[in-house]
Structure formats: structure tokens, C-alpha cells
Amino acid sequence: FLKEVNKKFGPGVLLKLFSGRYSAPRIEDRIFMFIDLKASTTIAEKLGHIKYSRLIQDCFHDVTDVVSKYKAEIYQYVGDEIVLTWELEKGIENNNCFEFFFEFRKKLESFSNVYRERYGIIPEFKAGMNCGTVTVAEVGEIKKEIAYHGDVLNTASRIQDQCNVHNKQVLISHNLQKVMLRTAK
């Protein structure tokens, strides 16, 4: 039972909820990645609701091992988008936040024949990343969860939106670039 509950919340979140770590809001430095399926509206119209939902299930299933390997936490699933977060140190360690994206792409490519056979497409994702200070708090009574608040998330989402404009698979904020350059020295 606890194993399934832990899967529901994501690794490490259940412990944070039980310990009361976020019962009072806290400030943390984190990295956020908004990763979104490219051309999702076109794909959904082509596949129909059920088949499109299966595609999303398969993609999100295939991301699981990559999340663990690169020390990411899944914050939310929003439609065809995954919002990932890292504690700042874990995200910059060994370039985890960057390596995650490229490993996820490789994993999808390794299943390209399966995706092509089942759905007639090979899914591609785009990502926007930002880092900075956020407030973290436990919210809700009926359905508790850990919520992150701050401009860092808004900016990461807007950066991801710019991937199409600039024809890029991944874009990062100047804030994250500065942090990565500082730690590389």
C-alpha cells in the first residue's frame, strides 16, 4: 500500500508530507523544467482522444527511469506537459537538468519503431528551464500536495513557449546559464 501511495506522490514526496517539512511555507532554490509535446494539437486531432491519451501515457511511462537517473522530481503532469524540478545542487550536479532532456529524447528515439507502429509518429518534446528562489508549501485538505510558488515557474513556462518561435528543442534562462557557468569554474 505504501509503495503505491509513494508512486502516487512521487519519490520522496510522501516522506516530506509525513514529516511536515512544508506544513509552513519554506524558501528554496530550485530548477524547473517545463517539457511539452511538440505539435500536440495536430497529433491529438490525428489520433483521436483515446489513442492520443495512450500516446501520452506511453511517453510519460518512458520518462520514469530518466527521472530517477538524473535526480529529478516530477512536480506535475499538465495535459501533455511534464513539470520537473530539482533542488538547485542536484540539478547542476553533473549537469543533471540538461542531461535529463537529452537522455529522455534518446529513450524516445530508441522506441521510435514502437511509437511509429502504434501511433504513426515519433513524439518530440521541447523544454524550457529556469532556476531561482521559490516558496514551497503543503496545500489542500482533501487532496494534499506540495506546491511551488514564484516567478521562476512562470518564466520557465514562458521560455518553453519560445522553443517554437526560435525553432529550438530546449531553451534556458539567463539565470540558469549564470549558475551553470559559475559552478563550471
N, C-alpha and C. Protein backbone atom coordinates (compact mmCIF):
# COMPACT_ATOMS: atom_id res chain seq x y z
N PHE A 1 0.83 -1.19 0.00
CA PHE A 1 0.00 0.00 0.00
C PHE A 1 0.87 1.26 0.00
N LEU A 2 1.87 1.29 0.89
CA LEU A 2 2.75 2.46 0.96
C LEU A 2 3.53 2.65 -0.34
N LYS A 3 3.90 1.55 -0.97
CA LYS A 3 4.62 1.64 -2.24
C LYS A 3 3.75 2.33 -3.30
N GLU A 4 2.47 1.96 -3.35
CA GLU A 4 1.55 2.58 -4.32
C GLU A 4 1.28 4.04 -3.97
N VAL A 5 1.14 4.35 -2.69
CA VAL A 5 0.94 5.74 -2.27
C VAL A 5 2.17 6.57 -2.62
N ASN A 6 3.35 6.01 -2.41
CA ASN A 6 4.59 6.70 -2.76
C ASN A 6 4.65 6.97 -4.26
N LYS A 7 4.17 6.01 -5.08
CA LYS A 7 4.13 6.22 -6.52
C LYS A 7 3.16 7.35 -6.88
N LYS A 8 2.07 7.44 -6.14
CA LYS A 8 1.07 8.49 -6.40
C LYS A 8 1.68 9.88 -6.21
N PHE A 9 2.44 10.05 -5.16
CA PHE A 9 3.02 11.36 -4.85
C PHE A 9 4.35 11.59 -5.54
N GLY A 10 5.07 10.52 -5.84
CA GLY A 10 6.41 10.64 -6.42
C GLY A 10 7.45 10.37 -5.35
N PRO A 11 8.61 9.86 -5.76
CA PRO A 11 9.66 9.51 -4.80
C PRO A 11 10.03 10.69 -3.90
N GLY A 12 10.06 10.42 -2.62
CA GLY A 12 10.49 11.42 -1.64
C GLY A 12 9.40 12.37 -1.16
N VAL A 13 8.31 12.51 -1.91
CA VAL A 13 7.27 13.47 -1.54
C VAL A 13 6.47 12.99 -0.33
N LEU A 14 6.19 11.69 -0.27
CA LEU A 14 5.43 11.15 0.86
C LEU A 14 6.14 11.42 2.18
N LEU A 15 7.44 11.21 2.20
CA LEU A 15 8.23 11.48 3.40
C LEU A 15 8.14 12.95 3.80
N LYS A 16 8.21 13.84 2.80
CA LYS A 16 8.11 15.28 3.07
C LYS A 16 6.74 15.63 3.64
N LEU A 17 5.68 14.99 3.13
CA LEU A 17 4.34 15.24 3.66
C LEU A 17 4.20 14.72 5.08
N PHE A 18 4.66 13.48 5.32
CA PHE A 18 4.56 12.89 6.66
C PHE A 18 5.39 13.66 7.69
N SER A 19 6.55 14.13 7.27
CA SER A 19 7.43 14.83 8.21
C SER A 19 6.95 16.24 8.53
N GLY A 20 6.02 16.75 7.71
CA GLY A 20 5.54 18.11 7.93
C GLY A 20 6.52 19.17 7.46
N ARG A 21 7.48 18.76 6.65
CA ARG A 21 8.53 19.68 6.19
C ARG A 21 7.98 20.96 5.58
N TYR A 22 6.86 20.84 4.86
CA TYR A 22 6.29 22.01 4.18
C TYR A 22 4.95 22.44 4.77
N SER A 23 4.65 22.04 6.00
CA SER A 23 3.39 22.48 6.60
C SER A 23 3.39 23.99 6.78
N ALA A 24 4.56 24.57 6.99
CA ALA A 24 4.72 26.03 6.95
C ALA A 24 5.54 26.33 5.70
N PRO A 25 5.18 27.37 4.96
CA PRO A 25 5.92 27.69 3.73
C PRO A 25 7.41 27.87 3.98
N ARG A 26 8.21 27.38 3.03
CA ARG A 26 9.67 27.48 3.10
C ARG A 26 10.19 28.06 1.79
N ILE A 27 11.35 28.64 1.86
CA ILE A 27 12.02 29.18 0.68
C ILE A 27 13.09 28.19 0.25
N GLU A 28 13.14 27.91 -1.08
CA GLU A 28 14.15 27.01 -1.62
C GLU A 28 14.64 27.53 -2.97
N ASP A 29 15.87 27.19 -3.31
CA ASP A 29 16.41 27.46 -4.64
C ASP A 29 16.26 26.18 -5.45
N ARG A 30 15.58 26.31 -6.60
CA ARG A 30 15.27 25.13 -7.40
C ARG A 30 15.40 25.44 -8.88
N ILE A 31 15.52 24.37 -9.65
CA ILE A 31 15.48 24.43 -11.10
C ILE A 31 14.14 23.83 -11.52
N PHE A 32 13.49 24.46 -12.50
CA PHE A 32 12.25 23.93 -13.06
C PHE A 32 12.40 23.76 -14.55
N MET A 33 11.86 22.64 -15.05
CA MET A 33 11.82 22.36 -16.47
C MET A 33 10.37 22.08 -16.87
N PHE A 34 9.90 22.84 -17.84
CA PHE A 34 8.60 22.57 -18.43
C PHE A 34 8.87 21.88 -19.75
N ILE A 35 8.39 20.65 -19.87
CA ILE A 35 8.66 19.84 -21.06
C ILE A 35 7.32 19.46 -21.69
N ASP A 36 7.19 19.77 -22.97
CA ASP A 36 5.89 19.72 -23.63
C ASP A 36 5.99 18.99 -24.97
N LEU A 37 4.96 18.24 -25.30
CA LEU A 37 4.90 17.53 -26.58
C LEU A 37 4.74 18.53 -27.72
N LYS A 38 5.63 18.45 -28.70
CA LYS A 38 5.56 19.33 -29.87
C LYS A 38 4.37 18.93 -30.73
N ALA A 39 3.70 19.93 -31.29
CA ALA A 39 2.59 19.73 -32.22
C ALA A 39 1.47 18.89 -31.62
N SER A 40 1.23 19.07 -30.33
CA SER A 40 0.27 18.22 -29.63
C SER A 40 -1.15 18.35 -30.17
N THR A 41 -1.57 19.54 -30.55
CA THR A 41 -2.93 19.71 -31.06
C THR A 41 -3.12 18.94 -32.36
N THR A 42 -2.16 19.05 -33.26
CA THR A 42 -2.21 18.33 -34.53
C THR A 42 -2.22 16.82 -34.30
N ILE A 43 -1.37 16.36 -33.38
CA ILE A 43 -1.29 14.93 -33.08
C ILE A 43 -2.61 14.44 -32.48
N ALA A 44 -3.17 15.23 -31.55
CA ALA A 44 -4.43 14.84 -30.91
C ALA A 44 -5.56 14.75 -31.94
N GLU A 45 -5.62 15.70 -32.86
CA GLU A 45 -6.66 15.67 -33.90
C GLU A 45 -6.49 14.46 -34.80
N LYS A 46 -5.25 14.12 -35.10
CA LYS A 46 -4.97 12.98 -35.98
C LYS A 46 -5.32 11.65 -35.30
N LEU A 47 -4.96 11.51 -34.02
CA LEU A 47 -5.12 10.22 -33.33
C LEU A 47 -6.49 10.03 -32.69
N GLY A 48 -7.15 11.09 -32.32
CA GLY A 48 -8.39 10.99 -31.55
C GLY A 48 -8.06 10.90 -30.07
N HIS A 49 -9.07 11.13 -29.23
CA HIS A 49 -8.87 11.26 -27.78
C HIS A 49 -8.23 10.04 -27.12
N ILE A 50 -8.75 8.87 -27.40
CA ILE A 50 -8.28 7.66 -26.71
C ILE A 50 -6.84 7.33 -27.12
N LYS A 51 -6.59 7.29 -28.40
CA LYS A 51 -5.25 6.93 -28.88
C LYS A 51 -4.23 7.99 -28.45
N TYR A 52 -4.63 9.27 -28.47
CA TYR A 52 -3.75 10.35 -28.02
C TYR A 52 -3.42 10.18 -26.53
N SER A 53 -4.40 9.84 -25.74
CA SER A 53 -4.18 9.63 -24.31
C SER A 53 -3.24 8.46 -24.07
N ARG A 54 -3.36 7.42 -24.88
CA ARG A 54 -2.42 6.29 -24.77
C ARG A 54 -1.00 6.72 -25.12
N LEU A 55 -0.86 7.57 -26.13
CA LEU A 55 0.45 8.09 -26.51
C LEU A 55 1.08 8.84 -25.33
N ILE A 56 0.30 9.70 -24.70
CA ILE A 56 0.81 10.46 -23.55
C ILE A 56 1.19 9.50 -22.42
N GLN A 57 0.35 8.50 -22.16
CA GLN A 57 0.68 7.51 -21.13
C GLN A 57 2.01 6.83 -21.44
N ASP A 58 2.21 6.44 -22.69
CA ASP A 58 3.45 5.76 -23.07
C ASP A 58 4.66 6.69 -22.90
N CYS A 59 4.54 7.92 -23.35
CA CYS A 59 5.64 8.88 -23.21
C CYS A 59 5.99 9.10 -21.74
N PHE A 60 4.98 9.30 -20.92
CA PHE A 60 5.22 9.56 -19.51
C PHE A 60 5.74 8.32 -18.79
N HIS A 61 5.36 7.14 -19.27
CA HIS A 61 5.93 5.91 -18.72
C HIS A 61 7.42 5.83 -19.07
N ASP A 62 7.74 6.20 -20.30
CA ASP A 62 9.13 6.10 -20.76
C ASP A 62 10.05 7.11 -20.09
N VAL A 63 9.50 8.14 -19.48
CA VAL A 63 10.33 9.15 -18.81
C VAL A 63 10.75 8.70 -17.41
N THR A 64 10.09 7.70 -16.86
CA THR A 64 10.27 7.29 -15.46
C THR A 64 11.72 7.01 -15.08
N ASP A 65 12.39 6.13 -15.82
CA ASP A 65 13.77 5.78 -15.50
C ASP A 65 14.70 6.98 -15.59
N VAL A 66 14.42 7.84 -16.54
CA VAL A 66 15.27 9.01 -16.77
C VAL A 66 15.14 9.98 -15.59
N VAL A 67 13.94 10.12 -15.07
CA VAL A 67 13.71 11.00 -13.91
C VAL A 67 14.57 10.55 -12.74
N SER A 68 14.55 9.28 -12.44
CA SER A 68 15.35 8.75 -11.32
C SER A 68 16.84 8.91 -11.57
N LYS A 69 17.28 8.57 -12.76
CA LYS A 69 18.70 8.60 -13.09
C LYS A 69 19.30 10.00 -12.91
N TYR A 70 18.53 11.03 -13.24
CA TYR A 70 19.05 12.40 -13.20
C TYR A 70 18.52 13.21 -12.00
N LYS A 71 18.05 12.50 -10.98
CA LYS A 71 17.67 13.08 -9.70
C LYS A 71 16.61 14.17 -9.80
N ALA A 72 15.73 14.03 -10.78
CA ALA A 72 14.63 14.98 -10.95
C ALA A 72 13.44 14.56 -10.09
N GLU A 73 12.55 15.49 -9.87
CA GLU A 73 11.26 15.21 -9.23
C GLU A 73 10.18 15.65 -10.21
N ILE A 74 9.16 14.84 -10.38
CA ILE A 74 8.03 15.25 -11.20
C ILE A 74 7.13 16.08 -10.31
N TYR A 75 6.98 17.36 -10.66
CA TYR A 75 6.11 18.24 -9.89
C TYR A 75 4.66 18.04 -10.32
N GLN A 76 4.42 18.12 -11.64
CA GLN A 76 3.05 17.98 -12.13
C GLN A 76 3.04 17.41 -13.55
N TYR A 77 1.93 16.77 -13.86
CA TYR A 77 1.58 16.46 -15.24
C TYR A 77 0.44 17.40 -15.57
N VAL A 78 0.57 18.14 -16.66
CA VAL A 78 -0.48 19.06 -17.08
C VAL A 78 -0.78 18.76 -18.54
N GLY A 79 -1.83 17.97 -18.79
CA GLY A 79 -2.14 17.58 -20.16
C GLY A 79 -0.99 16.79 -20.75
N ASP A 80 -0.37 17.34 -21.79
CA ASP A 80 0.76 16.67 -22.45
C ASP A 80 2.09 17.27 -22.01
N GLU A 81 2.09 17.89 -20.86
CA GLU A 81 3.29 18.56 -20.35
C GLU A 81 3.69 17.95 -19.01
N ILE A 82 5.00 17.88 -18.79
CA ILE A 82 5.54 17.43 -17.51
C ILE A 82 6.32 18.60 -16.93
N VAL A 83 6.07 18.89 -15.67
CA VAL A 83 6.84 19.92 -14.99
C VAL A 83 7.76 19.19 -14.01
N LEU A 84 9.07 19.36 -14.24
CA LEU A 84 10.09 18.71 -13.41
C LEU A 84 10.78 19.75 -12.55
N THR A 85 11.31 19.31 -11.43
CA THR A 85 12.07 20.20 -10.58
C THR A 85 13.25 19.46 -9.97
N TRP A 86 14.27 20.22 -9.65
CA TRP A 86 15.46 19.73 -8.96
C TRP A 86 15.80 20.71 -7.85
N GLU A 87 16.25 20.21 -6.73
CA GLU A 87 16.93 21.09 -5.79
C GLU A 87 18.12 21.62 -6.58
N LEU A 88 18.47 22.87 -6.40
CA LEU A 88 19.48 23.51 -7.25
C LEU A 88 20.75 22.68 -7.35
N GLU A 89 21.26 22.21 -6.21
CA GLU A 89 22.53 21.47 -6.22
C GLU A 89 22.42 20.17 -7.01
N LYS A 90 21.30 19.47 -6.85
CA LYS A 90 21.12 18.21 -7.58
C LYS A 90 20.96 18.43 -9.07
N GLY A 91 20.35 19.53 -9.45
CA GLY A 91 20.13 19.81 -10.86
C GLY A 91 21.40 20.19 -11.60
N ILE A 92 22.29 20.91 -10.91
CA ILE A 92 23.53 21.32 -11.58
C ILE A 92 24.63 20.26 -11.47
N GLU A 93 24.50 19.39 -10.47
CA GLU A 93 25.47 18.30 -10.31
C GLU A 93 25.51 17.46 -11.58
N ASN A 94 26.68 17.33 -12.17
CA ASN A 94 26.86 16.54 -13.41
C ASN A 94 25.93 16.99 -14.54
N ASN A 95 25.49 18.24 -14.48
CA ASN A 95 24.56 18.79 -15.49
C ASN A 95 23.26 17.97 -15.59
N ASN A 96 22.79 17.47 -14.45
CA ASN A 96 21.60 16.61 -14.44
C ASN A 96 20.41 17.21 -15.18
N CYS A 97 20.17 18.51 -14.98
CA CYS A 97 18.98 19.10 -15.60
C CYS A 97 19.08 19.11 -17.13
N PHE A 98 20.28 19.26 -17.68
CA PHE A 98 20.45 19.22 -19.13
C PHE A 98 20.47 17.78 -19.63
N GLU A 99 21.24 16.96 -18.96
CA GLU A 99 21.40 15.57 -19.39
C GLU A 99 20.05 14.84 -19.40
N PHE A 100 19.18 15.20 -18.47
CA PHE A 100 17.85 14.60 -18.41
C PHE A 100 17.14 14.72 -19.76
N PHE A 101 17.08 15.95 -20.27
CA PHE A 101 16.34 16.19 -21.51
C PHE A 101 16.87 15.35 -22.66
N PHE A 102 18.17 15.33 -22.83
CA PHE A 102 18.76 14.60 -23.95
C PHE A 102 18.65 13.08 -23.78
N GLU A 103 18.71 12.62 -22.55
CA GLU A 103 18.50 11.19 -22.28
C GLU A 103 17.06 10.79 -22.57
N PHE A 104 16.11 11.65 -22.20
CA PHE A 104 14.70 11.39 -22.48
C PHE A 104 14.49 11.31 -23.99
N ARG A 105 15.07 12.22 -24.75
CA ARG A 105 14.98 12.18 -26.21
C ARG A 105 15.55 10.87 -26.75
N LYS A 106 16.71 10.47 -26.23
CA LYS A 106 17.32 9.20 -26.69
C LYS A 106 16.41 8.02 -26.40
N LYS A 107 15.79 8.04 -25.24
CA LYS A 107 14.91 6.94 -24.87
C LYS A 107 13.72 6.86 -25.83
N LEU A 108 13.11 8.00 -26.13
CA LEU A 108 12.00 8.01 -27.09
C LEU A 108 12.47 7.52 -28.46
N GLU A 109 13.65 7.96 -28.89
CA GLU A 109 14.19 7.52 -30.18
C GLU A 109 14.44 6.02 -30.20
N SER A 110 14.85 5.47 -29.06
CA SER A 110 15.10 4.03 -29.01
C SER A 110 13.81 3.22 -29.18
N PHE A 111 12.67 3.85 -28.88
CA PHE A 111 11.37 3.21 -29.07
C PHE A 111 10.66 3.74 -30.31
N SER A 112 11.40 4.36 -31.21
CA SER A 112 10.77 5.01 -32.37
C SER A 112 9.95 4.03 -33.21
N ASN A 113 10.43 2.81 -33.37
CA ASN A 113 9.66 1.82 -34.15
C ASN A 113 8.33 1.51 -33.48
N VAL A 114 8.34 1.41 -32.17
CA VAL A 114 7.11 1.12 -31.42
C VAL A 114 6.13 2.28 -31.57
N TYR A 115 6.62 3.50 -31.37
CA TYR A 115 5.75 4.68 -31.50
C TYR A 115 5.20 4.81 -32.92
N ARG A 116 6.06 4.59 -33.89
CA ARG A 116 5.62 4.70 -35.29
C ARG A 116 4.55 3.65 -35.59
N GLU A 117 4.76 2.43 -35.10
CA GLU A 117 3.80 1.35 -35.35
C GLU A 117 2.46 1.62 -34.66
N ARG A 118 2.51 2.04 -33.39
CA ARG A 118 1.27 2.25 -32.62
C ARG A 118 0.53 3.53 -33.00
N TYR A 119 1.29 4.62 -33.27
CA TYR A 119 0.67 5.93 -33.40
C TYR A 119 0.95 6.64 -34.72
N GLY A 120 1.86 6.08 -35.52
CA GLY A 120 2.18 6.72 -36.79
C GLY A 120 3.07 7.95 -36.65
N ILE A 121 3.62 8.17 -35.46
CA ILE A 121 4.51 9.32 -35.22
C ILE A 121 5.60 8.92 -34.23
N ILE A 122 6.63 9.72 -34.19
CA ILE A 122 7.64 9.61 -33.14
C ILE A 122 7.52 10.89 -32.33
N PRO A 123 7.12 10.80 -31.06
CA PRO A 123 6.90 12.01 -30.28
C PRO A 123 8.19 12.79 -30.05
N GLU A 124 8.06 14.11 -30.15
CA GLU A 124 9.17 15.00 -29.85
C GLU A 124 8.72 15.99 -28.80
N PHE A 125 9.63 16.34 -27.91
CA PHE A 125 9.32 17.27 -26.84
C PHE A 125 10.23 18.49 -26.91
N LYS A 126 9.75 19.58 -26.37
CA LYS A 126 10.53 20.81 -26.24
C LYS A 126 10.54 21.17 -24.76
N ALA A 127 11.57 21.90 -24.34
CA ALA A 127 11.70 22.19 -22.91
C ALA A 127 12.21 23.60 -22.67
N GLY A 128 11.72 24.18 -21.59
CA GLY A 128 12.21 25.47 -21.10
C GLY A 128 12.62 25.31 -19.65
N MET A 129 13.76 25.92 -19.29
CA MET A 129 14.28 25.77 -17.92
C MET A 129 14.62 27.13 -17.32
N ASN A 130 14.42 27.19 -16.01
CA ASN A 130 14.78 28.37 -15.24
C ASN A 130 15.13 27.92 -13.84
N CYS A 131 15.84 28.78 -13.11
CA CYS A 131 16.14 28.48 -11.72
C CYS A 131 15.98 29.74 -10.89
N GLY A 132 15.83 29.54 -9.60
CA GLY A 132 15.72 30.67 -8.69
C GLY A 132 15.03 30.27 -7.41
N THR A 133 14.66 31.29 -6.67
CA THR A 133 14.05 31.10 -5.35
C THR A 133 12.54 30.98 -5.49
N VAL A 134 11.99 29.94 -4.85
CA VAL A 134 10.55 29.72 -4.83
C VAL A 134 10.10 29.49 -3.40
N THR A 135 8.82 29.64 -3.18
CA THR A 135 8.21 29.28 -1.90
C THR A 135 7.58 27.91 -2.09
N VAL A 136 7.79 27.03 -1.13
CA VAL A 136 7.24 25.68 -1.18
C VAL A 136 6.32 25.51 0.02
N ALA A 137 5.12 25.00 -0.22
CA ALA A 137 4.17 24.81 0.87
C ALA A 137 3.27 23.62 0.59
N GLU A 138 2.86 22.97 1.65
CA GLU A 138 1.86 21.91 1.56
C GLU A 138 0.51 22.61 1.45
N VAL A 139 -0.29 22.23 0.46
CA VAL A 139 -1.60 22.83 0.27
C VAL A 139 -2.67 21.75 0.19
N GLY A 140 -3.90 22.15 0.50
CA GLY A 140 -5.05 21.27 0.38
C GLY A 140 -5.34 20.48 1.63
N GLU A 141 -6.59 20.14 1.77
CA GLU A 141 -7.03 19.30 2.88
C GLU A 141 -7.54 17.96 2.36
N ILE A 142 -8.41 17.99 1.39
CA ILE A 142 -8.97 16.76 0.84
C ILE A 142 -7.94 16.05 -0.02
N LYS A 143 -7.21 16.82 -0.81
CA LYS A 143 -6.14 16.28 -1.66
C LYS A 143 -4.90 17.12 -1.41
N LYS A 144 -4.04 16.61 -0.55
CA LYS A 144 -2.82 17.34 -0.20
C LYS A 144 -1.76 17.18 -1.27
N GLU A 145 -1.02 18.25 -1.47
CA GLU A 145 0.14 18.18 -2.34
C GLU A 145 1.12 19.27 -1.96
N ILE A 146 2.30 19.15 -2.48
CA ILE A 146 3.32 20.17 -2.27
C ILE A 146 3.26 21.09 -3.48
N ALA A 147 3.15 22.40 -3.20
CA ALA A 147 3.03 23.40 -4.27
C ALA A 147 4.21 24.35 -4.23
N TYR A 148 4.65 24.75 -5.41
CA TYR A 148 5.74 25.71 -5.55
C TYR A 148 5.14 27.01 -6.09
N HIS A 149 5.55 28.13 -5.51
CA HIS A 149 5.03 29.43 -5.93
C HIS A 149 6.19 30.37 -6.24
N GLY A 150 6.05 31.14 -7.30
CA GLY A 150 7.04 32.15 -7.63
C GLY A 150 7.18 32.34 -9.13
N ASP A 151 7.82 33.44 -9.48
CA ASP A 151 8.02 33.79 -10.89
C ASP A 151 8.91 32.79 -11.63
N VAL A 152 9.69 32.03 -10.89
CA VAL A 152 10.60 31.06 -11.52
C VAL A 152 9.80 30.10 -12.41
N LEU A 153 8.67 29.64 -11.92
CA LEU A 153 7.86 28.70 -12.69
C LEU A 153 7.24 29.38 -13.91
N ASN A 154 6.70 30.55 -13.71
CA ASN A 154 6.10 31.32 -14.80
C ASN A 154 7.10 31.53 -15.92
N THR A 155 8.31 31.92 -15.55
CA THR A 155 9.35 32.19 -16.53
C THR A 155 9.75 30.92 -17.27
N ALA A 156 9.90 29.82 -16.56
CA ALA A 156 10.25 28.55 -17.21
C ALA A 156 9.19 28.15 -18.23
N SER A 157 7.93 28.34 -17.89
CA SER A 157 6.84 28.03 -18.81
C SER A 157 6.90 28.92 -20.05
N ARG A 158 7.15 30.19 -19.86
CA ARG A 158 7.22 31.12 -21.00
C ARG A 158 8.43 30.83 -21.88
N ILE A 159 9.53 30.42 -21.25
CA ILE A 159 10.72 30.05 -22.02
C ILE A 159 10.41 28.85 -22.90
N GLN A 160 9.71 27.86 -22.34
CA GLN A 160 9.33 26.69 -23.13
C GLN A 160 8.46 27.10 -24.31
N ASP A 161 7.57 28.06 -24.12
CA ASP A 161 6.74 28.55 -25.22
C ASP A 161 7.57 29.14 -26.36
N GLN A 162 8.75 29.67 -26.05
CA GLN A 162 9.60 30.30 -27.05
C GLN A 162 10.36 29.28 -27.91
N CYS A 163 10.33 28.02 -27.53
CA CYS A 163 11.02 27.00 -28.33
C CYS A 163 10.52 26.99 -29.76
N ASN A 164 9.22 27.08 -29.96
CA ASN A 164 8.66 27.09 -31.32
C ASN A 164 9.10 28.34 -32.08
N VAL A 165 9.07 29.49 -31.42
CA VAL A 165 9.44 30.75 -32.05
C VAL A 165 10.87 30.70 -32.57
N HIS A 166 11.76 30.12 -31.77
CA HIS A 166 13.19 30.08 -32.12
C HIS A 166 13.62 28.75 -32.75
N ASN A 167 12.65 27.86 -32.96
CA ASN A 167 12.92 26.55 -33.55
C ASN A 167 14.03 25.80 -32.81
N LYS A 168 13.88 25.73 -31.48
CA LYS A 168 14.85 25.05 -30.62
C LYS A 168 14.13 23.99 -29.81
N GLN A 169 14.86 22.94 -29.46
CA GLN A 169 14.29 21.87 -28.64
C GLN A 169 14.32 22.22 -27.16
N VAL A 170 15.33 22.98 -26.76
CA VAL A 170 15.46 23.35 -25.35
C VAL A 170 16.05 24.75 -25.25
N LEU A 171 15.47 25.54 -24.36
CA LEU A 171 15.96 26.88 -24.07
C LEU A 171 16.07 27.03 -22.55
N ILE A 172 17.05 27.82 -22.13
CA ILE A 172 17.24 28.05 -20.69
C ILE A 172 17.27 29.55 -20.42
N SER A 173 17.01 29.88 -19.18
CA SER A 173 17.05 31.29 -18.76
C SER A 173 18.48 31.75 -18.56
N HIS A 174 18.63 33.05 -18.57
CA HIS A 174 19.94 33.63 -18.26
C HIS A 174 20.34 33.28 -16.83
N ASN A 175 19.37 33.23 -15.91
CA ASN A 175 19.65 32.84 -14.51
C ASN A 175 20.31 31.48 -14.43
N LEU A 176 19.74 30.51 -15.13
CA LEU A 176 20.29 29.15 -15.10
C LEU A 176 21.66 29.11 -15.78
N GLN A 177 21.81 29.84 -16.86
CA GLN A 177 23.10 29.89 -17.54
C GLN A 177 24.19 30.42 -16.59
N LYS A 178 23.87 31.48 -15.86
CA LYS A 178 24.84 32.06 -14.92
C LYS A 178 25.22 31.05 -13.84
N VAL A 179 24.25 30.34 -13.30
CA VAL A 179 24.51 29.35 -12.24
C VAL A 179 25.39 28.23 -12.79
N MET A 180 25.07 27.75 -13.98
CA MET A 180 25.85 26.66 -14.58
C MET A 180 27.29 27.11 -14.87
N LEU A 181 27.45 28.31 -15.38
CA LEU A 181 28.80 28.82 -15.67
C LEU A 181 29.60 29.02 -14.38
N ARG A 182 28.94 29.51 -13.35
CA ARG A 182 29.62 29.73 -12.06
C ARG A 182 30.09 28.42 -11.47
N THR A 183 29.31 27.37 -11.58
CA THR A 183 29.70 26.08 -10.98
C THR A 183 30.70 25.33 -11.84
N ALA A 184 30.77 25.70 -13.13
CA ALA A 184 31.73 25.03 -14.03
C ALA A 184 33.15 25.50 -13.78
N LYS A 185 33.30 26.64 -13.14
CA LYS A 185 34.64 27.20 -12.90
C LYS A 185 35.37 26.48 -11.79
